[in-house]
C-alpha atoms as a PDB file:
ATOM      1  CA  MET A   1      37.954  92.264  51.186  1.00  0.00           C
ATOM      2  CA  LEU A   2      37.578  93.560  54.723  1.00  0.00           C
ATOM      3  CA  ARG A   3      35.502  96.730  54.904  1.00  0.00           C
ATOM      4  CA  LEU A   4      34.824  99.376  57.513  1.00  0.00           C
ATOM      5  CA  PRO A   5      31.433  99.042  59.209  1.00  0.00           C
ATOM      6  CA  PRO A   6      28.865 101.863  58.970  1.00  0.00           C
ATOM      7  CA  LEU A   7      29.712 104.803  61.227  1.00  0.00           C
ATOM      8  CA  THR A   8      29.291 108.536  61.739  1.00  0.00           C
ATOM      9  CA  TYR A   9      32.454 110.626  61.389  1.00  0.00           C
ATOM     10  CA  LEU A  10      32.528 113.816  63.475  1.00  0.00           C
ATOM     11  CA  MET A  11      34.936 116.690  62.832  1.00  0.00           C
ATOM     12  CA  PRO A  12      35.300 118.947  65.890  1.00  0.00           C
ATOM     13  CA  ARG A  13      36.501 122.520  65.418  1.00  0.00           C
ATOM     14  CA  SER A  14      38.406 122.587  68.709  1.00  0.00           C
ATOM     15  CA  LEU A  15      39.834 120.286  71.343  1.00  0.00           C
ATOM     16  CA  SER A  16      37.147 121.351  73.804  1.00  0.00           C
ATOM     17  CA  GLN A  17      34.451 120.389  71.298  1.00  0.00           C
ATOM     18  CA  ALA A  18      36.112 117.001  70.831  1.00  0.00           C
ATOM     19  CA  VAL A  19      36.042 116.509  74.613  1.00  0.00           C
ATOM     20  CA  ASP A  20      32.341 117.453  74.701  1.00  0.00           C
ATOM     21  CA  TRP A  21      31.454 115.036  71.896  1.00  0.00           C
ATOM     22  CA  LEU A  22      33.439 112.226  73.497  1.00  0.00           C
ATOM     23  CA  ALA A  23      31.521 112.760  76.737  1.00  0.00           C
ATOM     24  CA  GLU A  24      28.215 112.980  74.869  1.00  0.00           C
ATOM     25  CA  HIS A  25      28.591 109.741  72.904  1.00  0.00           C
ATOM     26  CA  GLY A  26      30.396 107.758  75.594  1.00  0.00           C
ATOM     27  CA  ALA A  27      31.351 104.172  74.831  1.00  0.00           C
ATOM     28  CA  SER A  28      29.897 104.350  71.319  1.00  0.00           C
ATOM     29  CA  ALA A  29      32.599 106.853  70.231  1.00  0.00           C
ATOM     30  CA  MET A  30      36.322 106.526  69.588  1.00  0.00           C
ATOM     31  CA  LEU A  31      39.036 109.028  68.717  1.00  0.00           C
ATOM     32  CA  VAL A  32      40.960 108.860  65.449  1.00  0.00           C
ATOM     33  CA  ALA A  33      43.834 110.863  63.990  1.00  0.00           C
ATOM     34  CA  GLY A  34      45.922 108.927  61.458  1.00  0.00           C
ATOM     35  CA  GLY A  35      43.885 105.735  61.848  1.00  0.00           C
ATOM     36  CA  THR A  36      46.767 103.455  60.837  1.00  0.00           C
ATOM     37  CA  ASP A  37      45.999 101.053  63.683  1.00  0.00           C
ATOM     38  CA  LEU A  38      42.328 101.809  64.379  1.00  0.00           C
ATOM     39  CA  TYR A  39      40.979 101.241  60.865  1.00  0.00           C
ATOM     40  CA  PRO A  40      42.489  97.728  60.506  1.00  0.00           C
ATOM     41  CA  SER A  41      41.082  96.880  63.949  1.00  0.00           C
ATOM     42  CA  MET A  42      37.632  98.047  62.854  1.00  0.00           C
ATOM     43  CA  LYS A  43      37.829  95.980  59.681  1.00  0.00           C
ATOM     44  CA  ARG A  44      38.604  92.905  61.796  1.00  0.00           C
ATOM     45  CA  GLN A  45      35.658  93.780  64.073  1.00  0.00           C
ATOM     46  CA  LEU A  46      37.918  94.117  67.085  1.00  0.00           C
ATOM     47  CA  VAL A  47      36.265  97.448  67.863  1.00  0.00           C
ATOM     48  CA  LYS A  48      32.896  98.694  66.583  1.00  0.00           C
ATOM     49  CA  PRO A  49      32.403 102.394  67.331  1.00  0.00           C
ATOM     50  CA  SER A  50      29.272 104.074  66.043  1.00  0.00           C
ATOM     51  CA  TYR A  51      31.026 107.444  66.025  1.00  0.00           C
ATOM     52  CA  LEU A  52      34.580 108.432  65.156  1.00  0.00           C
ATOM     53  CA  ILE A  53      35.768 111.799  66.434  1.00  0.00           C
ATOM     54  CA  GLY A  54      38.473 113.008  64.068  1.00  0.00           C
ATOM     55  CA  LEU A  55      41.379 114.902  65.613  1.00  0.00           C
ATOM     56  CA  ARG A  56      43.428 115.402  62.457  1.00  0.00           C
ATOM     57  CA  GLY A  57      42.144 118.915  61.784  1.00  0.00           C
ATOM     58  CA  LEU A  58      42.907 120.331  65.247  1.00  0.00           C
ATOM     59  CA  SER A  59      45.884 122.662  64.875  1.00  0.00           C
ATOM     60  CA  GLU A  60      46.283 122.896  68.662  1.00  0.00           C
ATOM     61  CA  LEU A  61      47.397 119.241  68.667  1.00  0.00           C
ATOM     62  CA  GLN A  62      49.937 119.711  65.880  1.00  0.00           C
ATOM     63  CA  GLN A  63      52.473 122.050  67.472  1.00  0.00           C
ATOM     64  CA  ILE A  64      56.121 121.347  68.279  1.00  0.00           C
ATOM     65  CA  VAL A  65      57.461 123.936  70.731  1.00  0.00           C
ATOM     66  CA  VAL A  66      61.184 123.833  71.521  1.00  0.00           C
ATOM     67  CA  ARG A  67      62.091 125.852  74.614  1.00  0.00           C
ATOM     68  CA  GLU A  68      65.235 126.529  76.623  1.00  0.00           C
ATOM     69  CA  GLY A  69      66.022 125.991  80.288  1.00  0.00           C
ATOM     70  CA  GLU A  70      64.577 123.620  82.846  1.00  0.00           C
ATOM     71  CA  LEU A  71      61.249 121.840  82.516  1.00  0.00           C
ATOM     72  CA  ASP A  72      58.862 122.549  85.370  1.00  0.00           C
ATOM     73  CA  TYR A  73      55.666 120.895  84.224  1.00  0.00           C
ATOM     74  CA  PRO A  74      52.772 121.684  84.458  1.00  0.00           C
ATOM     75  CA  ALA A  75      53.498 125.432  84.535  1.00  0.00           C
ATOM     76  CA  SER A  76      52.230 127.176  81.410  1.00  0.00           C
ATOM     77  CA  ASP A  77      55.728 128.451  80.624  1.00  0.00           C
ATOM     78  CA  SER A  78      57.255 124.970  80.811  1.00  0.00           C
ATOM     79  CA  THR A  79      60.632 124.629  79.161  1.00  0.00           C
ATOM     80  CA  GLY A  80      62.182 121.790  77.224  1.00  0.00           C
ATOM     81  CA  VAL A  81      60.084 120.524  74.323  1.00  0.00           C
ATOM     82  CA  THR A  82      56.312 120.177  73.980  1.00  0.00           C
ATOM     83  CA  LEU A  83      54.957 117.866  71.293  1.00  0.00           C
ATOM     84  CA  GLY A  84      51.307 117.990  70.332  1.00  0.00           C
ATOM     85  CA  ALA A  85      49.692 114.567  70.247  1.00  0.00           C
ATOM     86  CA  GLY A  86      48.572 115.161  66.658  1.00  0.00           C
ATOM     87  CA  VAL A  87      52.104 115.662  65.322  1.00  0.00           C
ATOM     88  CA  THR A  88      52.857 113.032  62.684  1.00  0.00           C
ATOM     89  CA  LEU A  89      55.709 110.595  63.073  1.00  0.00           C
ATOM     90  CA  ASN A  90      57.553 111.984  60.066  1.00  0.00           C
ATOM     91  CA  GLN A  91      57.271 115.509  61.477  1.00  0.00           C
ATOM     92  CA  ILE A  92      59.049 114.276  64.616  1.00  0.00           C
ATOM     93  CA  ALA A  93      61.786 112.573  62.609  1.00  0.00           C
ATOM     94  CA  ARG A  94      62.432 115.640  60.446  1.00  0.00           C
ATOM     95  CA  HIS A  95      62.180 118.469  62.972  1.00  0.00           C
ATOM     96  CA  PRO A  96      65.608 120.186  63.252  1.00  0.00           C
ATOM     97  CA  GLY A  97      65.263 121.050  66.941  1.00  0.00           C
ATOM     98  CA  LEU A  98      64.247 117.517  67.885  1.00  0.00           C
ATOM     99  CA  MET A  99      66.977 115.974  65.750  1.00  0.00           C
ATOM    100  CA  GLN A 100      69.531 118.091  67.586  1.00  0.00           C
ATOM    101  CA  GLN A 101      68.266 117.634  71.137  1.00  0.00           C
ATOM    102  CA  TYR A 102      66.643 114.189  70.967  1.00  0.00           C
ATOM    103  CA  PRO A 103      68.153 112.248  68.044  1.00  0.00           C
ATOM    104  CA  VAL A 104      66.913 109.018  69.630  1.00  0.00           C
ATOM    105  CA  LEU A 105      63.350 110.074  68.750  1.00  0.00           C
ATOM    106  CA  ALA A 106      64.186 110.165  65.051  1.00  0.00           C
ATOM    107  CA  GLN A 107      66.004 106.844  65.475  1.00  0.00           C
ATOM    108  CA  ALA A 108      62.868 105.233  66.913  1.00  0.00           C
ATOM    109  CA  VAL A 109      60.417 106.885  64.522  1.00  0.00           C
ATOM    110  CA  ASN A 110      62.350 105.745  61.464  1.00  0.00           C
ATOM    111  CA  LEU A 111      61.951 102.148  62.647  1.00  0.00           C
ATOM    112  CA  ILE A 112      58.149 102.422  62.704  1.00  0.00           C
ATOM    113  CA  SER A 113      56.223 100.924  59.800  1.00  0.00           C
ATOM    114  CA  THR A 114      56.757 102.562  56.377  1.00  0.00           C
ATOM    115  CA  PRO A 115      57.296 106.176  55.193  1.00  0.00           C
ATOM    116  CA  GLN A 116      53.732 106.363  53.880  1.00  0.00           C
ATOM    117  CA  LEU A 117      52.218 105.275  57.190  1.00  0.00           C
ATOM    118  CA  ARG A 118      54.573 107.546  59.142  1.00  0.00           C
ATOM    119  CA  ASN A 119      53.051 110.428  57.196  1.00  0.00           C
ATOM    120  CA  MET A 120      49.654 109.443  58.622  1.00  0.00           C
ATOM    121  CA  GLY A 121      50.461 108.024  62.050  1.00  0.00           C
ATOM    122  CA  THR A 122      50.680 110.423  65.000  1.00  0.00           C
ATOM    123  CA  LEU A 123      52.551 110.641  68.272  1.00  0.00           C
ATOM    124  CA  GLY A 124      49.349 110.244  70.280  1.00  0.00           C
ATOM    125  CA  GLY A 125      48.231 107.300  68.205  1.00  0.00           C
ATOM    126  CA  ASN A 126      51.507 105.470  68.731  1.00  0.00           C
ATOM    127  CA  LEU A 127      51.422 106.050  72.487  1.00  0.00           C
ATOM    128  CA  CYS A 128      47.790 104.911  72.704  1.00  0.00           C
ATOM    129  CA  LEU A 129      48.253 101.748  70.648  1.00  0.00           C
ATOM    130  CA  ASP A 130      46.045  98.949  71.867  1.00  0.00           C
ATOM    131  CA  THR A 131      47.864  95.871  73.113  1.00  0.00           C
ATOM    132  CA  ARG A 132      48.439  93.169  70.509  1.00  0.00           C
ATOM    133  CA  CYS A 133      48.321  89.380  70.548  1.00  0.00           C
ATOM    134  CA  ALA A 134      48.533  86.570  68.008  1.00  0.00           C
ATOM    135  CA  TYR A 135      45.168  85.281  69.263  1.00  0.00           C
ATOM    136  CA  TYR A 136      43.491  88.699  69.067  1.00  0.00           C
ATOM    137  CA  ASN A 137      44.709  90.567  65.981  1.00  0.00           C
ATOM    138  CA  GLN A 138      42.953  88.232  63.548  1.00  0.00           C
ATOM    139  CA  SER A 139      39.835  88.299  61.422  1.00  0.00           C
ATOM    140  CA  ALA A 140      36.422  87.800  63.032  1.00  0.00           C
ATOM    141  CA  GLU A 141      36.101  84.366  61.381  1.00  0.00           C
ATOM    142  CA  TRP A 142      39.488  83.219  62.721  1.00  0.00           C
ATOM    143  CA  ARG A 143      38.641  84.329  66.257  1.00  0.00           C
ATOM    144  CA  GLN A 144      35.211  82.713  66.102  1.00  0.00           C
ATOM    145  CA  ALA A 145      36.735  79.403  65.040  1.00  0.00           C
ATOM    146  CA  LEU A 146      39.087  79.551  68.029  1.00  0.00           C
ATOM    147  CA  GLY A 147      36.309  80.399  70.437  1.00  0.00           C
ATOM    148  CA  TYR A 148      37.310  84.049  71.002  1.00  0.00           C
ATOM    149  CA  CYS A 149      39.622  85.254  73.750  1.00  0.00           C
ATOM    150  CA  MET A 150      39.415  87.274  76.930  1.00  0.00           C
ATOM    151  CA  LYS A 151      40.301  90.509  75.130  1.00  0.00           C
ATOM    152  CA  LYS A 152      37.284  90.239  72.819  1.00  0.00           C
ATOM    153  CA  ALA A 153      34.044  88.348  73.485  1.00  0.00           C
ATOM    154  CA  GLY A 154      35.637  85.349  75.259  1.00  0.00           C
ATOM    155  CA  GLN A 155      36.563  84.232  78.763  1.00  0.00           C
ATOM    156  CA  THR A 156      39.941  82.590  78.145  1.00  0.00           C
ATOM    157  CA  CYS A 157      43.381  84.053  77.519  1.00  0.00           C
ATOM    158  CA  TRP A 158      44.833  81.531  75.070  1.00  0.00           C
ATOM    159  CA  VAL A 159      48.365  82.618  75.954  1.00  0.00           C
ATOM    160  CA  ALA A 160      47.914  81.295  79.499  1.00  0.00           C
ATOM    161  CA  PRO A 161      44.549  79.446  79.578  1.00  0.00           C
ATOM    162  CA  GLY A 162      44.734  78.781  83.294  1.00  0.00           C
ATOM    163  CA  GLY A 163      45.270  82.426  84.186  1.00  0.00           C
ATOM    164  CA  GLN A 164      42.873  85.193  85.150  1.00  0.00           C
ATOM    165  CA  ARG A 165      44.236  88.060  83.057  1.00  0.00           C
ATOM    166  CA  CYS A 166      44.920  89.092  79.462  1.00  0.00           C
ATOM    167  CA  TRP A 167      48.582  88.958  78.392  1.00  0.00           C
ATOM    168  CA  ALA A 168      48.360  91.004  75.184  1.00  0.00           C
ATOM    169  CA  VAL A 169      51.544  92.998  74.539  1.00  0.00           C
ATOM    170  CA  GLN A 170      52.160  96.753  74.309  1.00  0.00           C
ATOM    171  CA  SER A 171      53.946  97.308  70.980  1.00  0.00           C
ATOM    172  CA  SER A 172      54.475 101.074  70.859  1.00  0.00           C
ATOM    173  CA  ASP A 173      57.942 102.072  69.641  1.00  0.00           C
ATOM    174  CA  LEU A 174      57.866 105.571  71.105  1.00  0.00           C
ATOM    175  CA  ALA A 175      56.615 104.609  74.571  1.00  0.00           C
ATOM    176  CA  PRO A 176      59.890 102.993  75.776  1.00  0.00           C
ATOM    177  CA  VAL A 177      61.966 105.839  74.309  1.00  0.00           C
ATOM    178  CA  LEU A 178      59.865 108.614  75.817  1.00  0.00           C
ATOM    179  CA  MET A 179      59.730 106.804  79.142  1.00  0.00           C
ATOM    180  CA  ALA A 180      63.537 106.616  79.128  1.00  0.00           C
ATOM    181  CA  LEU A 181      63.567 110.381  78.487  1.00  0.00           C
ATOM    182  CA  ASP A 182      61.316 111.010  81.535  1.00  0.00           C
ATOM    183  CA  ALA A 183      58.484 112.386  79.411  1.00  0.00           C
ATOM    184  CA  GLN A 184      55.275 113.752  80.891  1.00  0.00           C
ATOM    185  CA  VAL A 185      51.889 113.529  79.192  1.00  0.00           C
ATOM    186  CA  GLU A 186      49.004 115.992  79.239  1.00  0.00           C
ATOM    187  CA  LEU A 187      45.404 114.750  79.288  1.00  0.00           C
ATOM    188  CA  VAL A 188      42.315 116.880  78.654  1.00  0.00           C
ATOM    189  CA  GLY A 189      38.844 115.866  79.802  1.00  0.00           C
ATOM    190  CA  PRO A 190      35.549 117.245  81.125  1.00  0.00           C
ATOM    191  CA  GLN A 191      37.196 117.943  84.489  1.00  0.00           C
ATOM    192  CA  GLY A 192      40.032 119.953  82.938  1.00  0.00           C
ATOM    193  CA  THR A 193      43.686 119.250  82.188  1.00  0.00           C
ATOM    194  CA  ARG A 194      46.005 117.001  84.139  1.00  0.00           C
ATOM    195  CA  GLY A 195      49.563 115.827  83.686  1.00  0.00           C
ATOM    196  CA  LEU A 196      51.383 112.704  84.760  1.00  0.00           C
ATOM    197  CA  PRO A 197      54.652 110.901  84.026  1.00  0.00           C
ATOM    198  CA  LEU A 198      54.475 108.712  80.947  1.00  0.00           C
ATOM    199  CA  ALA A 199      55.394 105.745  83.144  1.00  0.00           C
ATOM    200  CA  ALA A 200      52.131 106.295  85.043  1.00  0.00           C
ATOM    201  CA  PHE A 201      50.185 106.495  81.779  1.00  0.00           C
ATOM    202  CA  TYR A 202      50.618 102.725  81.277  1.00  0.00           C
ATOM    203  CA  GLN A 203      49.605  99.743  83.344  1.00  0.00           C
ATOM    204  CA  ASN A 204      50.486  96.081  82.889  1.00  0.00           C
ATOM    205  CA  ASP A 205      46.993  95.009  81.835  1.00  0.00           C
ATOM    206  CA  GLY A 206      46.276  93.605  78.378  1.00  0.00           C
ATOM    207  CA  LEU A 207      42.623  94.660  78.539  1.00  0.00           C
ATOM    208  CA  ARG A 208      43.157  98.252  79.659  1.00  0.00           C
ATOM    209  CA  CYS A 209      46.757  99.189  79.027  1.00  0.00           C
ATOM    210  CA  VAL A 210      46.525 102.949  79.705  1.00  0.00           C
ATOM    211  CA  THR A 211      45.313 104.861  82.732  1.00  0.00           C
ATOM    212  CA  LYS A 212      43.723 107.554  80.571  1.00  0.00           C
ATOM    213  CA  GLN A 213      40.040 107.797  81.398  1.00  0.00           C
ATOM    214  CA  PRO A 214      37.581 106.961  78.589  1.00  0.00           C
ATOM    215  CA  ASP A 215      36.455 110.608  78.400  1.00  0.00           C
ATOM    216  CA  GLU A 216      39.995 112.035  78.252  1.00  0.00           C
ATOM    217  CA  ILE A 217      42.124 112.951  75.238  1.00  0.00           C
ATOM    218  CA  LEU A 218      45.916 112.783  75.145  1.00  0.00           C
ATOM    219  CA  SER A 219      46.820 116.309  74.045  1.00  0.00           C
ATOM    220  CA  ALA A 220      50.592 116.707  74.441  1.00  0.00           C
ATOM    221  CA  VAL A 221      53.892 115.206  75.526  1.00  0.00           C
ATOM    222  CA  HIS A 222      56.433 117.279  77.473  1.00  0.00           C
ATOM    223  CA  LEU A 223      60.159 116.486  77.420  1.00  0.00           C
ATOM    224  CA  PRO A 224      62.769 117.895  79.817  1.00  0.00           C
ATOM    225  CA  PRO A 225      65.995 119.437  78.511  1.00  0.00           C
ATOM    226  CA  THR A 226      68.576 116.893  77.441  1.00  0.00           C
ATOM    227  CA  GLN A 227      71.393 118.103  79.707  1.00  0.00           C
ATOM    228  CA  GLN A 228      74.287 115.711  78.958  1.00  0.00           C
ATOM    229  CA  MET A 229      71.971 112.900  77.926  1.00  0.00           C
ATOM    230  CA  ARG A 230      72.828 110.211  75.399  1.00  0.00           C
ATOM    231  CA  ALA A 231      70.316 107.593  74.320  1.00  0.00           C
ATOM    232  CA  SER A 232      69.709 104.646  72.021  1.00  0.00           C
ATOM    233  CA  TYR A 233      66.730 102.582  70.875  1.00  0.00           C
ATOM    234  CA  GLN A 234      67.103  99.045  69.570  1.00  0.00           C
ATOM    235  CA  LYS A 235      64.238  97.059  68.042  1.00  0.00           C
ATOM    236  CA  LEU A 236      63.881  93.375  67.203  1.00  0.00           C
ATOM    237  CA  ARG A 237      61.439  92.342  64.454  1.00  0.00           C
ATOM    238  CA  ARG A 238      61.330  89.617  61.845  1.00  0.00           C
ATOM    239  CA  ARG A 239      61.637  91.897  58.808  1.00  0.00           C
ATOM    240  CA  GLY A 240      63.882  94.898  58.369  1.00  0.00           C
ATOM    241  CA  SER A 241      60.905  97.241  58.035  1.00  0.00           C
ATOM    242  CA  PHE A 242      57.182  97.576  58.668  1.00  0.00           C
ATOM    243  CA  ASP A 243      56.829  95.080  61.526  1.00  0.00           C
ATOM    244  CA  PHE A 244      55.848  95.838  65.123  1.00  0.00           C
ATOM    245  CA  PRO A 245      58.606  95.215  67.694  1.00  0.00           C
ATOM    246  CA  VAL A 246      58.710  91.819  69.365  1.00  0.00           C
ATOM    247  CA  LEU A 247      61.418  93.121  71.704  1.00  0.00           C
ATOM    248  CA  SER A 248      62.786  96.626  72.165  1.00  0.00           C
ATOM    249  CA  VAL A 249      65.300  98.269  74.463  1.00  0.00           C
ATOM    250  CA  ALA A 250      65.548 102.005  75.160  1.00  0.00           C
ATOM    251  CA  ILE A 251      68.433 103.358  77.244  1.00  0.00           C
ATOM    252  CA  ALA A 252      69.114 106.973  78.214  1.00  0.00           C
ATOM    253  CA  ILE A 253      72.027 108.056  80.410  1.00  0.00           C
ATOM    254  CA  GLU A 254      73.729 111.222  81.598  1.00  0.00           C
ATOM    255  CA  GLN A 255      77.447 111.366  82.359  1.00  0.00           C
ATOM    256  CA  ASP A 256      79.711 113.855  84.100  1.00  0.00           C
ATOM    257  CA  ILE A 257      82.884 115.214  82.542  1.00  0.00           C
ATOM    258  CA  ALA A 258      84.809 112.205  83.854  1.00  0.00           C
ATOM    259  CA  GLY A 259      82.538 109.811  81.986  1.00  0.00           C
ATOM    260  CA  ILE A 260      80.753 108.579  85.127  1.00  0.00           C
ATOM    261  CA  CYS A 261      77.040 107.846  84.740  1.00  0.00           C
ATOM    262  CA  THR A 262      74.945 110.165  86.906  1.00  0.00           C
ATOM    263  CA  ARG A 263      71.487 109.160  85.672  1.00  0.00           C
ATOM    264  CA  ALA A 264      70.166 106.127  83.825  1.00  0.00           C
ATOM    265  CA  ARG A 265      66.898 104.852  82.435  1.00  0.00           C
ATOM    266  CA  VAL A 266      66.590 101.386  80.935  1.00  0.00           C
ATOM    267  CA  VAL A 267      63.204 100.427  79.481  1.00  0.00           C
ATOM    268  CA  LEU A 268      62.049  97.173  77.887  1.00  0.00           C
ATOM    269  CA  GLY A 269      59.280  97.185  75.298  1.00  0.00           C
ATOM    270  CA  ALA A 270      57.113  94.527  73.628  1.00  0.00           C
ATOM    271  CA  VAL A 271      57.562  91.896  76.343  1.00  0.00           C
ATOM    272  CA  ALA A 272      54.598  92.808  78.570  1.00  0.00           C
ATOM    273  CA  SER A 273      51.318  94.704  78.497  1.00  0.00           C
ATOM    274  CA  ALA A 274      53.216  97.901  79.376  1.00  0.00           C
ATOM    275  CA  PRO A 275      56.748  99.219  78.807  1.00  0.00           C
ATOM    276  CA  MET A 276      58.910  98.100  81.734  1.00  0.00           C
ATOM    277  CA  ARG A 277      61.710  99.987  83.446  1.00  0.00           C
ATOM    278  CA  VAL A 278      64.570  97.806  84.650  1.00  0.00           C
ATOM    279  CA  PRO A 279      65.734  99.335  87.968  1.00  0.00           C
ATOM    280  CA  LYS A 280      68.390  96.664  88.516  1.00  0.00           C
ATOM    281  CA  ALA A 281      70.015  97.542  85.191  1.00  0.00           C
ATOM    282  CA  GLU A 282      69.846 101.260  85.990  1.00  0.00           C
ATOM    283  CA  ALA A 283      71.537 100.651  89.357  1.00  0.00           C
ATOM    284  CA  CYS A 284      74.364  98.853  87.552  1.00  0.00           C
ATOM    285  CA  LEU A 285      75.108 102.050  85.611  1.00  0.00           C
ATOM    286  CA  ILE A 286      74.822 104.804  88.228  1.00  0.00           C
ATOM    287  CA  GLY A 287      78.173 106.006  89.530  1.00  0.00           C
ATOM    288  CA  ARG A 288      80.202 103.874  87.114  1.00  0.00           C
ATOM    289  CA  PRO A 289      81.947 104.403  83.760  1.00  0.00           C
ATOM    290  CA  LEU A 290      79.865 103.265  80.810  1.00  0.00           C
ATOM    291  CA  GLY A 291      82.800 102.022  78.737  1.00  0.00           C
ATOM    292  CA  ASP A 292      83.702  99.205  81.129  1.00  0.00           C
ATOM    293  CA  PRO A 293      82.838  95.900  79.378  1.00  0.00           C
ATOM    294  CA  GLY A 294      82.112  94.218  82.699  1.00  0.00           C
ATOM    295  CA  ILE A 295      79.537  96.873  83.563  1.00  0.00           C
ATOM    296  CA  MET A 296      77.900  96.506  80.159  1.00  0.00           C
ATOM    297  CA  SER A 297      77.604  92.760  80.726  1.00  0.00           C
ATOM    298  CA  GLU A 298      76.038  93.330  84.160  1.00  0.00           C
ATOM    299  CA  VAL A 299      73.447  95.675  82.655  1.00  0.00           C
ATOM    300  CA  ALA A 300      72.652  93.218  79.852  1.00  0.00           C
ATOM    301  CA  GLU A 301      72.267  90.381  82.371  1.00  0.00           C
ATOM    302  CA  ALA A 302      69.874  92.466  84.482  1.00  0.00           C
ATOM    303  CA  VAL A 303      67.724  93.173  81.424  1.00  0.00           C
ATOM    304  CA  PHE A 304      67.800  89.487  80.473  1.00  0.00           C
ATOM    305  CA  ASP A 305      66.611  88.540  83.982  1.00  0.00           C
ATOM    306  CA  GLN A 306      63.605  90.872  83.829  1.00  0.00           C
ATOM    307  CA  ALA A 307      62.606  90.080  80.229  1.00  0.00           C
ATOM    308  CA  LYS A 308      59.820  87.510  80.373  1.00  0.00           C
ATOM    309  CA  PRO A 309      58.246  87.470  76.899  1.00  0.00           C
ATOM    310  CA  LEU A 310      55.275  85.237  76.206  1.00  0.00           C
ATOM    311  CA  ASP A 311      54.373  83.160  73.181  1.00  0.00           C
ATOM    312  CA  ASN A 312      51.830  85.594  71.718  1.00  0.00           C
ATOM    313  CA  THR A 313      53.879  87.553  69.162  1.00  0.00           C
ATOM    314  CA  ASP A 314      56.233  86.778  66.314  1.00  0.00           C
ATOM    315  CA  LEU A 315      59.469  84.769  66.897  1.00  0.00           C
ATOM    316  CA  PRO A 316      59.962  82.181  69.701  1.00  0.00           C
ATOM    317  CA  LEU A 317      59.842  83.550  73.231  1.00  0.00           C
ATOM    318  CA  SER A 318      63.148  81.906  74.221  1.00  0.00           C
ATOM    319  CA  TYR A 319      64.909  83.640  71.315  1.00  0.00           C
ATOM    320  CA  ARG A 320      63.374  86.994  72.199  1.00  0.00           C
ATOM    321  CA  LYS A 321      64.541  86.621  75.800  1.00  0.00           C
ATOM    322  CA  GLN A 322      68.082  85.840  74.671  1.00  0.00           C
ATOM    323  CA  MET A 323      68.016  88.854  72.361  1.00  0.00           C
ATOM    324  CA  ALA A 324      67.309  91.092  75.358  1.00  0.00           C
ATOM    325  CA  ARG A 325      71.009  90.708  76.245  1.00  0.00           C
ATOM    326  CA  VAL A 326      72.167  91.333  72.698  1.00  0.00           C
ATOM    327  CA  TYR A 327      70.048  94.418  72.096  1.00  0.00           C
ATOM    328  CA  THR A 328      70.979  95.918  75.460  1.00  0.00           C
ATOM    329  CA  LEU A 329      74.652  95.584  74.573  1.00  0.00           C
ATOM    330  CA  ARG A 330      73.971  97.140  71.171  1.00  0.00           C
ATOM    331  CA  ALA A 331      72.298 100.122  72.804  1.00  0.00           C
ATOM    332  CA  LEU A 332      75.127 100.575  75.307  1.00  0.00           C
ATOM    333  CA  ARG A 333      77.766 100.284  72.591  1.00  0.00           C
ATOM    334  CA  GLU A 334      75.993 102.896  70.496  1.00  0.00           C
ATOM    335  CA  ILE A 335      75.787 105.293  73.444  1.00  0.00           C
ATOM    336  CA  ASN A 336      79.462 104.658  74.172  1.00  0.00           C
ATOM    337  CA  GLY A 337      80.407 105.305  70.558  1.00  0.00           C
ATOM    338  CA  THR A 338      81.633 101.763  69.966  1.00  0.00           C
ATOM    339  CA  LYS A 339      80.690 100.067  66.735  1.00  0.00           C
ATOM    340  CA  ILE A 340      78.976  96.700  66.960  1.00  0.00           C
ATOM    341  CA  GLY A 341      81.615  94.006  66.695  1.00  0.00           C
ATOM    342  CA  GLU A 342      84.452  96.196  68.014  1.00  0.00           C
ATOM    343  CA  PRO A 343      85.998  95.572  71.437  1.00  0.00           C
ATOM    344  CA  VAL A 344      84.872  98.078  74.049  1.00  0.00           C
END
């Protein structure tokens, strides 16, 4: 049986105290809320913090504030929706205001893991998921037998042994969806609070996949009003539940009264070390009617061209690349109100 190593668990009374403790203990401390991903990683000796700073008891991270009007972040009276980073996944899926304005969030959340783990897992935890790899997410004995990898204790990335970087994959379900919704994140650290687009929160680096500084805490996510937005999230995994995505597609569009697309975001997940926008696919949609089957095929082809999965997750990479077309068409059909299998 894999066990947690010895550690000291700290329970701050406020977010500012958590920031102070994180600065005090430095690299020997890590943050934990639900722990659904961190605790298994600790048992496998992928990370070995001496201190865990628990965020679960901080009420200031557990608020969902639904506002009206236009979002003008980072003003204190920002409108739209503000989600505390400590909100659980099931709270997101069941919140009436979110279900009405952003049904795609509930769609994505309900594809994450199991109901029990969604009761524990948090928004911030899902967005800050460490990158994953078939050569990394193993027991200490397995990794030692291989000779370790670049992400932990080694010098070689076994996905591409001749390369100079780590190719571990970002497997967050909510990151592609929130990026498609133009979300902003709020970070709190010793220097104060700062905000940035969620797209800037990630970088395509398997070793350090987020731009958050080590002494910062993700405190909130801000969403703009939906306007005339429609969105879909499609996820490929081996089993019908529980598994991490091995390919995901998030699409959000806005249309005018004539059905012409005025704004589009197309984001690929689980094929790189960061969620990836597909500008070529977005350009195929802008100024055109979504229901045109030729346009849908163009968008799907653009996503297929950019999808370059590697052989470090479940299912063959060639199959996952082909499925990029299929899942893009599924998302577009859902947005268009066409059932899968029906002619558009």
